[in-house]
Amino acid sequence: MLVRTKVGHIHYFTKRLALALLEDCGYDMLKWCYTGAAFTSPQRTWKLKLASLPRRLAYSMSKDWGVRFLGGETLMVVARAL
């Protein structure tokens, strides 16, 4: 809850749900990627730094799985209206 209050906007979507929602709204996905926000945020607290180790391990096995269960990422999508 602190992060939501601090940032002002947090959206809880899985990659699959976010892409399906954009498709339902009439967009064609050209490309998508995770931004790496979990490791490049400029104001990383000690808690975020501590969470980096399990995230890196999980992401190395399966990025989608790691993001879904450990969070910490932002999905960037390039899309065009149909």
PDB file of N, CA and C in Angstrom:
ATOM      1  N   MET A   1       0.813  -1.188   0.000  1.00  0.00           N
ATOM      2  CA  MET A   1       0.000   0.000   0.000  1.00  0.00           C
ATOM      3  C   MET A   1       0.862   1.259   0.000  1.00  0.00           C
ATOM      4  N   LEU A   2       2.013   1.207   0.663  1.00  0.00           N
ATOM      5  CA  LEU A   2       2.911   2.357   0.702  1.00  0.00           C
ATOM      6  C   LEU A   2       3.359   2.750  -0.697  1.00  0.00           C
ATOM      7  N   VAL A   3       3.709   1.765  -1.514  1.00  0.00           N
ATOM      8  CA  VAL A   3       4.158   2.062  -2.873  1.00  0.00           C
ATOM      9  C   VAL A   3       3.043   2.727  -3.664  1.00  0.00           C
ATOM     10  N   ARG A   4       1.838   2.221  -3.526  1.00  0.00           N
ATOM     11  CA  ARG A   4       0.713   2.807  -4.251  1.00  0.00           C
ATOM     12  C   ARG A   4       0.489   4.261  -3.834  1.00  0.00           C
ATOM     13  N   THR A   5       0.586   4.532  -2.548  1.00  0.00           N
ATOM     14  CA  THR A   5       0.422   5.892  -2.051  1.00  0.00           C
ATOM     15  C   THR A   5       1.566   6.779  -2.536  1.00  0.00           C
ATOM     16  N   LYS A   6       2.778   6.266  -2.505  1.00  0.00           N
ATOM     17  CA  LYS A   6       3.963   7.026  -2.888  1.00  0.00           C
ATOM     18  C   LYS A   6       3.980   7.336  -4.387  1.00  0.00           C
ATOM     19  N   VAL A   7       3.670   6.344  -5.209  1.00  0.00           N
ATOM     20  CA  VAL A   7       3.733   6.502  -6.662  1.00  0.00           C
ATOM     21  C   VAL A   7       2.464   7.170  -7.196  1.00  0.00           C
ATOM     22  N   GLY A   8       1.324   6.828  -6.625  1.00  0.00           N
ATOM     23  CA  GLY A   8       0.078   7.434  -7.055  1.00  0.00           C
ATOM     24  C   GLY A   8      -0.702   6.621  -8.060  1.00  0.00           C
ATOM     25  N   HIS A   9      -0.068   5.665  -8.681  1.00  0.00           N
ATOM     26  CA  HIS A   9      -0.769   4.798  -9.632  1.00  0.00           C
ATOM     27  C   HIS A   9      -0.033   3.465  -9.724  1.00  0.00           C
ATOM     28  N   ILE A  10      -0.708   2.449  -9.407  1.00  0.00           N
ATOM     29  CA  ILE A  10      -0.184   1.093  -9.548  1.00  0.00           C
ATOM     30  C   ILE A  10      -1.297   0.277 -10.183  1.00  0.00           C
ATOM     31  N   HIS A  11      -0.953  -0.436 -11.210  1.00  0.00           N
ATOM     32  CA  HIS A  11      -1.934  -1.277 -11.882  1.00  0.00           C
ATOM     33  C   HIS A  11      -1.487  -2.726 -11.735  1.00  0.00           C
ATOM     34  N   TYR A  12      -2.399  -3.567 -11.343  1.00  0.00           N
ATOM     35  CA  TYR A  12      -2.080  -4.965 -11.096  1.00  0.00           C
ATOM     36  C   TYR A  12      -2.604  -5.823 -12.240  1.00  0.00           C
ATOM     37  N   PHE A  13      -1.849  -5.888 -13.336  1.00  0.00           N
ATOM     38  CA  PHE A  13      -2.209  -6.698 -14.486  1.00  0.00           C
ATOM     39  C   PHE A  13      -1.137  -7.748 -14.701  1.00  0.00           C
ATOM     40  N   THR A  14      -1.537  -8.906 -15.161  1.00  0.00           N
ATOM     41  CA  THR A  14      -0.547  -9.848 -15.665  1.00  0.00           C
ATOM     42  C   THR A  14      -0.263  -9.425 -17.097  1.00  0.00           C
ATOM     43  N   LYS A  15       0.841  -9.893 -17.653  1.00  0.00           N
ATOM     44  CA  LYS A  15       1.165  -9.558 -19.035  1.00  0.00           C
ATOM     45  C   LYS A  15       0.052 -10.014 -19.964  1.00  0.00           C
ATOM     46  N   ARG A  16      -0.411 -11.213 -19.737  1.00  0.00           N
ATOM     47  CA  ARG A  16      -1.456 -11.786 -20.599  1.00  0.00           C
ATOM     48  C   ARG A  16      -2.743 -10.955 -20.552  1.00  0.00           C
ATOM     49  N   LEU A  17      -3.140 -10.541 -19.349  1.00  0.00           N
ATOM     50  CA  LEU A  17      -4.348  -9.743 -19.201  1.00  0.00           C
ATOM     51  C   LEU A  17      -4.190  -8.357 -19.832  1.00  0.00           C
ATOM     52  N   ALA A  18      -3.042  -7.729 -19.634  1.00  0.00           N
ATOM     53  CA  ALA A  18      -2.801  -6.400 -20.204  1.00  0.00           C
ATOM     54  C   ALA A  18      -2.844  -6.446 -21.731  1.00  0.00           C
ATOM     55  N   LEU A  19      -2.203  -7.443 -22.322  1.00  0.00           N
ATOM     56  CA  LEU A  19      -2.195  -7.551 -23.786  1.00  0.00           C
ATOM     57  C   LEU A  19      -3.588  -7.876 -24.322  1.00  0.00           C
ATOM     58  N   ALA A  20      -4.334  -8.725 -23.612  1.00  0.00           N
ATOM     59  CA  ALA A  20      -5.700  -9.052 -24.034  1.00  0.00           C
ATOM     60  C   ALA A  20      -6.600  -7.824 -23.949  1.00  0.00           C
ATOM     61  N   LEU A  21      -6.425  -7.023 -22.913  1.00  0.00           N
ATOM     62  CA  LEU A  21      -7.224  -5.813 -22.756  1.00  0.00           C
ATOM     63  C   LEU A  21      -6.953  -4.836 -23.899  1.00  0.00           C
ATOM     64  N   LEU A  22      -5.700  -4.652 -24.248  1.00  0.00           N
ATOM     65  CA  LEU A  22      -5.364  -3.770 -25.368  1.00  0.00           C
ATOM     66  C   LEU A  22      -5.939  -4.297 -26.680  1.00  0.00           C
ATOM     67  N   GLU A  23      -5.866  -5.599 -26.865  1.00  0.00           N
ATOM     68  CA  GLU A  23      -6.428  -6.206 -28.070  1.00  0.00           C
ATOM     69  C   GLU A  23      -7.947  -6.013 -28.120  1.00  0.00           C
ATOM     70  N   ASP A  24      -8.607  -6.203 -26.979  1.00  0.00           N
ATOM     71  CA  ASP A  24     -10.060  -5.999 -26.909  1.00  0.00           C
ATOM     72  C   ASP A  24     -10.443  -4.548 -27.203  1.00  0.00           C
ATOM     73  N   CYS A  25      -9.538  -3.628 -26.928  1.00  0.00           N
ATOM     74  CA  CYS A  25      -9.801  -2.198 -27.179  1.00  0.00           C
ATOM     75  C   CYS A  25      -9.445  -1.786 -28.605  1.00  0.00           C
ATOM     76  N   GLY A  26      -9.055  -2.759 -29.422  1.00  0.00           N
ATOM     77  CA  GLY A  26      -8.803  -2.481 -30.829  1.00  0.00           C
ATOM     78  C   GLY A  26      -7.369  -2.147 -31.187  1.00  0.00           C
ATOM     79  N   TYR A  27      -6.431  -2.639 -30.431  1.00  0.00           N
ATOM     80  CA  TYR A  27      -5.024  -2.402 -30.735  1.00  0.00           C
ATOM     81  C   TYR A  27      -4.351  -3.677 -31.222  1.00  0.00           C
ATOM     82  N   ASP A  28      -3.386  -3.488 -32.100  1.00  0.00           N
ATOM     83  CA  ASP A  28      -2.550  -4.571 -32.598  1.00  0.00           C
ATOM     84  C   ASP A  28      -1.190  -4.413 -31.935  1.00  0.00           C
ATOM     85  N   MET A  29      -0.772  -5.404 -31.153  1.00  0.00           N
ATOM     86  CA  MET A  29       0.507  -5.328 -30.464  1.00  0.00           C
ATOM     87  C   MET A  29       1.646  -5.570 -31.442  1.00  0.00           C
ATOM     88  N   LEU A  30       2.524  -4.595 -31.560  1.00  0.00           N
ATOM     89  CA  LEU A  30       3.683  -4.722 -32.431  1.00  0.00           C
ATOM     90  C   LEU A  30       4.876  -5.305 -31.678  1.00  0.00           C
ATOM     91  N   LYS A  31       5.004  -4.897 -30.418  1.00  0.00           N
ATOM     92  CA  LYS A  31       6.139  -5.351 -29.623  1.00  0.00           C
ATOM     93  C   LYS A  31       5.825  -5.087 -28.151  1.00  0.00           C
ATOM     94  N   TRP A  32       6.375  -5.921 -27.281  1.00  0.00           N
ATOM     95  CA  TRP A  32       6.261  -5.677 -25.849  1.00  0.00           C
ATOM     96  C   TRP A  32       7.561  -6.119 -25.185  1.00  0.00           C
ATOM     97  N   CYS A  33       7.834  -5.537 -24.032  1.00  0.00           N
ATOM     98  CA  CYS A  33       9.012  -5.949 -23.261  1.00  0.00           C
ATOM     99  C   CYS A  33       8.845  -5.502 -21.811  1.00  0.00           C
ATOM    100  N   TYR A  34       9.580  -6.134 -20.938  1.00  0.00           N
ATOM    101  CA  TYR A  34       9.660  -5.674 -19.559  1.00  0.00           C
ATOM    102  C   TYR A  34      10.753  -4.611 -19.521  1.00  0.00           C
ATOM    103  N   THR A  35      10.543  -3.565 -18.735  1.00  0.00           N
ATOM    104  CA  THR A  35      11.463  -2.423 -18.756  1.00  0.00           C
ATOM    105  C   THR A  35      12.710  -2.598 -17.898  1.00  0.00           C
ATOM    106  N   GLY A  36      12.708  -3.570 -17.012  1.00  0.00           N
ATOM    107  CA  GLY A  36      13.852  -3.737 -16.119  1.00  0.00           C
ATOM    108  C   GLY A  36      13.747  -2.858 -14.883  1.00  0.00           C
ATOM    109  N   ALA A  37      12.558  -2.332 -14.622  1.00  0.00           N
ATOM    110  CA  ALA A  37      12.342  -1.413 -13.500  1.00  0.00           C
ATOM    111  C   ALA A  37      12.730  -2.012 -12.154  1.00  0.00           C
ATOM    112  N   ALA A  38      12.637  -3.308 -12.024  1.00  0.00           N
ATOM    113  CA  ALA A  38      12.957  -3.952 -10.747  1.00  0.00           C
ATOM    114  C   ALA A  38      14.417  -3.739 -10.352  1.00  0.00           C
ATOM    115  N   PHE A  39      15.276  -3.479 -11.327  1.00  0.00           N
ATOM    116  CA  PHE A  39      16.708  -3.358 -11.045  1.00  0.00           C
ATOM    117  C   PHE A  39      17.275  -1.979 -11.343  1.00  0.00           C
ATOM    118  N   THR A  40      16.520  -1.117 -12.020  1.00  0.00           N
ATOM    119  CA  THR A  40      17.064   0.174 -12.444  1.00  0.00           C
ATOM    120  C   THR A  40      16.384   1.377 -11.817  1.00  0.00           C
ATOM    121  N   SER A  41      15.458   1.156 -10.926  1.00  0.00           N
ATOM    122  CA  SER A  41      14.763   2.261 -10.264  1.00  0.00           C
ATOM    123  C   SER A  41      15.788   3.129  -9.532  1.00  0.00           C
ATOM    124  N   PRO A  42      15.714   4.449  -9.699  1.00  0.00           N
ATOM    125  CA  PRO A  42      16.732   5.315  -9.085  1.00  0.00           C
ATOM    126  C   PRO A  42      16.654   5.384  -7.559  1.00  0.00           C
ATOM    127  N   GLN A  43      15.494   5.148  -6.976  1.00  0.00           N
ATOM    128  CA  GLN A  43      15.350   5.256  -5.523  1.00  0.00           C
ATOM    129  C   GLN A  43      15.069   3.887  -4.914  1.00  0.00           C
ATOM    130  N   ARG A  44      16.028   3.007  -5.021  1.00  0.00           N
ATOM    131  CA  ARG A  44      15.845   1.651  -4.516  1.00  0.00           C
ATOM    132  C   ARG A  44      16.131   1.605  -3.027  1.00  0.00           C
ATOM    133  N   THR A  45      15.163   1.148  -2.262  1.00  0.00           N
ATOM    134  CA  THR A  45      15.322   1.000  -0.824  1.00  0.00           C
ATOM    135  C   THR A  45      16.082  -0.291  -0.540  1.00  0.00           C
ATOM    136  N   TRP A  46      16.449  -0.482   0.708  1.00  0.00           N
ATOM    137  CA  TRP A  46      17.162  -1.716   1.062  1.00  0.00           C
ATOM    138  C   TRP A  46      16.273  -2.931   0.835  1.00  0.00           C
ATOM    139  N   LYS A  47      14.944  -2.761   0.980  1.00  0.00           N
ATOM    140  CA  LYS A  47      14.030  -3.876   0.740  1.00  0.00           C
ATOM    141  C   LYS A  47      14.031  -4.273  -0.729  1.00  0.00           C
ATOM    142  N   LEU A  48      14.049  -3.283  -1.612  1.00  0.00           N
ATOM    143  CA  LEU A  48      14.092  -3.590  -3.050  1.00  0.00           C
ATOM    144  C   LEU A  48      15.421  -4.233  -3.429  1.00  0.00           C
ATOM    145  N   LYS A  49      16.495  -3.746  -2.823  1.00  0.00           N
ATOM    146  CA  LYS A  49      17.804  -4.342  -3.109  1.00  0.00           C
ATOM    147  C   LYS A  49      17.849  -5.798  -2.630  1.00  0.00           C
ATOM    148  N   LEU A  50      17.249  -6.058  -1.471  1.00  0.00           N
ATOM    149  CA  LEU A  50      17.196  -7.420  -0.943  1.00  0.00           C
ATOM    150  C   LEU A  50      16.352  -8.326  -1.839  1.00  0.00           C
ATOM    151  N   ALA A  51      15.291  -7.791  -2.405  1.00  0.00           N
ATOM    152  CA  ALA A  51      14.410  -8.568  -3.287  1.00  0.00           C
ATOM    153  C   ALA A  51      15.050  -8.852  -4.642  1.00  0.00           C
ATOM    154  N   SER A  52      16.123  -8.156  -4.962  1.00  0.00           N
ATOM    155  CA  SER A  52      16.771  -8.341  -6.265  1.00  0.00           C
ATOM    156  C   SER A  52      17.307  -9.747  -6.475  1.00  0.00           C
ATOM    157  N   LEU A  53      17.859 -10.348  -5.438  1.00  0.00           N
ATOM    158  CA  LEU A  53      18.453 -11.686  -5.587  1.00  0.00           C
ATOM    159  C   LEU A  53      17.418 -12.736  -5.983  1.00  0.00           C
ATOM    160  N   PRO A  54      16.306 -12.889  -5.243  1.00  0.00           N
ATOM    161  CA  PRO A  54      15.321 -13.882  -5.681  1.00  0.00           C
ATOM    162  C   PRO A  54      14.699 -13.532  -7.037  1.00  0.00           C
ATOM    163  N   ARG A  55      14.540 -12.242  -7.303  1.00  0.00           N
ATOM    164  CA  ARG A  55      13.986 -11.843  -8.605  1.00  0.00           C
ATOM    165  C   ARG A  55      14.923 -12.248  -9.737  1.00  0.00           C
ATOM    166  N   ARG A  56      16.204 -11.952  -9.576  1.00  0.00           N
ATOM    167  CA  ARG A  56      17.161 -12.316 -10.632  1.00  0.00           C
ATOM    168  C   ARG A  56      17.163 -13.824 -10.873  1.00  0.00           C
ATOM    169  N   LEU A  57      17.111 -14.577  -9.799  1.00  0.00           N
ATOM    170  CA  LEU A  57      17.086 -16.031  -9.921  1.00  0.00           C
ATOM    171  C   LEU A  57      15.817 -16.486 -10.640  1.00  0.00           C
ATOM    172  N   ALA A  58      14.661 -15.998 -10.208  1.00  0.00           N
ATOM    173  CA  ALA A  58      13.393 -16.380 -10.840  1.00  0.00           C
ATOM    174  C   ALA A  58      13.334 -15.910 -12.285  1.00  0.00           C
ATOM    175  N   TYR A  59      13.767 -14.678 -12.553  1.00  0.00           N
ATOM    176  CA  TYR A  59      13.730 -14.141 -13.913  1.00  0.00           C
ATOM    177  C   TYR A  59      14.642 -14.935 -14.848  1.00  0.00           C
ATOM    178  N   SER A  60      15.750 -15.440 -14.308  1.00  0.00           N
ATOM    179  CA  SER A  60      16.672 -16.204 -15.163  1.00  0.00           C
ATOM    180  C   SER A  60      16.055 -17.535 -15.602  1.00  0.00           C
ATOM    181  N   MET A  61      15.174 -18.075 -14.770  1.00  0.00           N
ATOM    182  CA  MET A  61      14.503 -19.330 -15.133  1.00  0.00           C
ATOM    183  C   MET A  61      13.320 -19.069 -16.064  1.00  0.00           C
ATOM    184  N   SER A  62      12.522 -18.076 -15.746  1.00  0.00           N
ATOM    185  CA  SER A  62      11.373 -17.711 -16.573  1.00  0.00           C
ATOM    186  C   SER A  62      10.950 -16.300 -16.206  1.00  0.00           C
ATOM    187  N   LYS A  63      11.202 -15.368 -17.111  1.00  0.00           N
ATOM    188  CA  LYS A  63      10.890 -13.963 -16.836  1.00  0.00           C
ATOM    189  C   LYS A  63       9.401 -13.786 -16.533  1.00  0.00           C
ATOM    190  N   ASP A  64       8.533 -14.372 -17.343  1.00  0.00           N
ATOM    191  CA  ASP A  64       7.096 -14.233 -17.128  1.00  0.00           C
ATOM    192  C   ASP A  64       6.666 -14.794 -15.771  1.00  0.00           C
ATOM    193  N   TRP A  65       7.173 -15.960 -15.418  1.00  0.00           N
ATOM    194  CA  TRP A  65       6.840 -16.564 -14.136  1.00  0.00           C
ATOM    195  C   TRP A  65       7.353 -15.706 -12.984  1.00  0.00           C
ATOM    196  N   GLY A  66       8.595 -15.275 -13.091  1.00  0.00           N
ATOM    197  CA  GLY A  66       9.189 -14.449 -12.042  1.00  0.00           C
ATOM    198  C   GLY A  66       8.433 -13.150 -11.828  1.00  0.00           C
ATOM    199  N   VAL A  67       8.073 -12.503 -12.914  1.00  0.00           N
ATOM    200  CA  VAL A  67       7.322 -11.251 -12.815  1.00  0.00           C
ATOM    201  C   VAL A  67       5.945 -11.495 -12.215  1.00  0.00           C
ATOM    202  N   ARG A  68       5.311 -12.556 -12.629  1.00  0.00           N
ATOM    203  CA  ARG A  68       3.962 -12.833 -12.131  1.00  0.00           C
ATOM    204  C   ARG A  68       3.946 -13.094 -10.623  1.00  0.00           C
ATOM    205  N   PHE A  69       4.934 -13.816 -10.124  1.00  0.00           N
ATOM    206  CA  PHE A  69       4.919 -14.188  -8.717  1.00  0.00           C
ATOM    207  C   PHE A  69       5.733 -13.275  -7.800  1.00  0.00           C
ATOM    208  N   LEU A  70       6.721 -12.576  -8.346  1.00  0.00           N
ATOM    209  CA  LEU A  70       7.536 -11.697  -7.507  1.00  0.00           C
ATOM    210  C   LEU A  70       7.353 -10.218  -7.837  1.00  0.00           C
ATOM    211  N   GLY A  71       6.703  -9.928  -8.954  1.00  0.00           N
ATOM    212  CA  GLY A  71       6.419  -8.543  -9.323  1.00  0.00           C
ATOM    213  C   GLY A  71       7.673  -7.734  -9.592  1.00  0.00           C
ATOM    214  N   GLY A  72       7.521  -6.422  -9.448  1.00  0.00           N
ATOM    215  CA  GLY A  72       8.661  -5.529  -9.587  1.00  0.00           C
ATOM    216  C   GLY A  72       8.960  -5.071 -10.994  1.00  0.00           C
ATOM    217  N   GLU A  73       8.120  -5.377 -11.947  1.00  0.00           N
ATOM    218  CA  GLU A  73       8.385  -5.012 -13.336  1.00  0.00           C
ATOM    219  C   GLU A  73       7.290  -4.149 -13.922  1.00  0.00           C
ATOM    220  N   THR A  74       7.644  -3.502 -15.010  1.00  0.00           N
ATOM    221  CA  THR A  74       6.720  -2.687 -15.789  1.00  0.00           C
ATOM    222  C   THR A  74       6.717  -3.242 -17.204  1.00  0.00           C
ATOM    223  N   LEU A  75       5.540  -3.366 -17.773  1.00  0.00           N
ATOM    224  CA  LEU A  75       5.398  -3.865 -19.141  1.00  0.00           C
ATOM    225  C   LEU A  75       5.240  -2.673 -20.083  1.00  0.00           C
ATOM    226  N   MET A  76       6.094  -2.607 -21.086  1.00  0.00           N
ATOM    227  CA  MET A  76       5.990  -1.566 -22.096  1.00  0.00           C
ATOM    228  C   MET A  76       5.488  -2.208 -23.391  1.00  0.00           C
ATOM    229  N   VAL A  77       4.482  -1.598 -23.985  1.00  0.00           N
ATOM    230  CA  VAL A  77       3.863  -2.166 -25.188  1.00  0.00           C
ATOM    231  C   VAL A  77       3.864  -1.118 -26.289  1.00  0.00           C
ATOM    232  N   VAL A  78       4.278  -1.537 -27.481  1.00  0.00           N
ATOM    233  CA  VAL A  78       4.141  -0.708 -28.669  1.00  0.00           C
ATOM    234  C   VAL A  78       2.989  -1.305 -29.450  1.00  0.00           C
ATOM    235  N   ALA A  79       1.969  -0.494 -29.683  1.00  0.00           N
ATOM    236  CA  ALA A  79       0.760  -1.001 -30.337  1.00  0.00           C
ATOM    237  C   ALA A  79       0.232   0.053 -31.306  1.00  0.00           C
ATOM    238  N   ARG A  80      -0.598  -0.403 -32.232  1.00  0.00           N
ATOM    239  CA  ARG A  80      -1.235   0.536 -33.147  1.00  0.00           C
ATOM    240  C   ARG A  80      -2.724   0.218 -33.179  1.00  0.00           C
ATOM    241  N   ALA A  81      -3.498   1.268 -33.380  1.00  0.00           N
ATOM    242  CA  ALA A  81      -4.952   1.098 -33.455  1.00  0.00           C
ATOM    243  C   ALA A  81      -5.297   0.418 -34.774  1.00  0.00           C
ATOM    244  N   LEU A  82      -6.239  -0.495 -34.715  1.00  0.00           N
ATOM    245  CA  LEU A  82      -6.682  -1.199 -35.935  1.00  0.00           C
ATOM    246  C   LEU A  82      -7.707  -0.373 -36.665  1.00  0.00           C
TER     247      LEU A  82
END
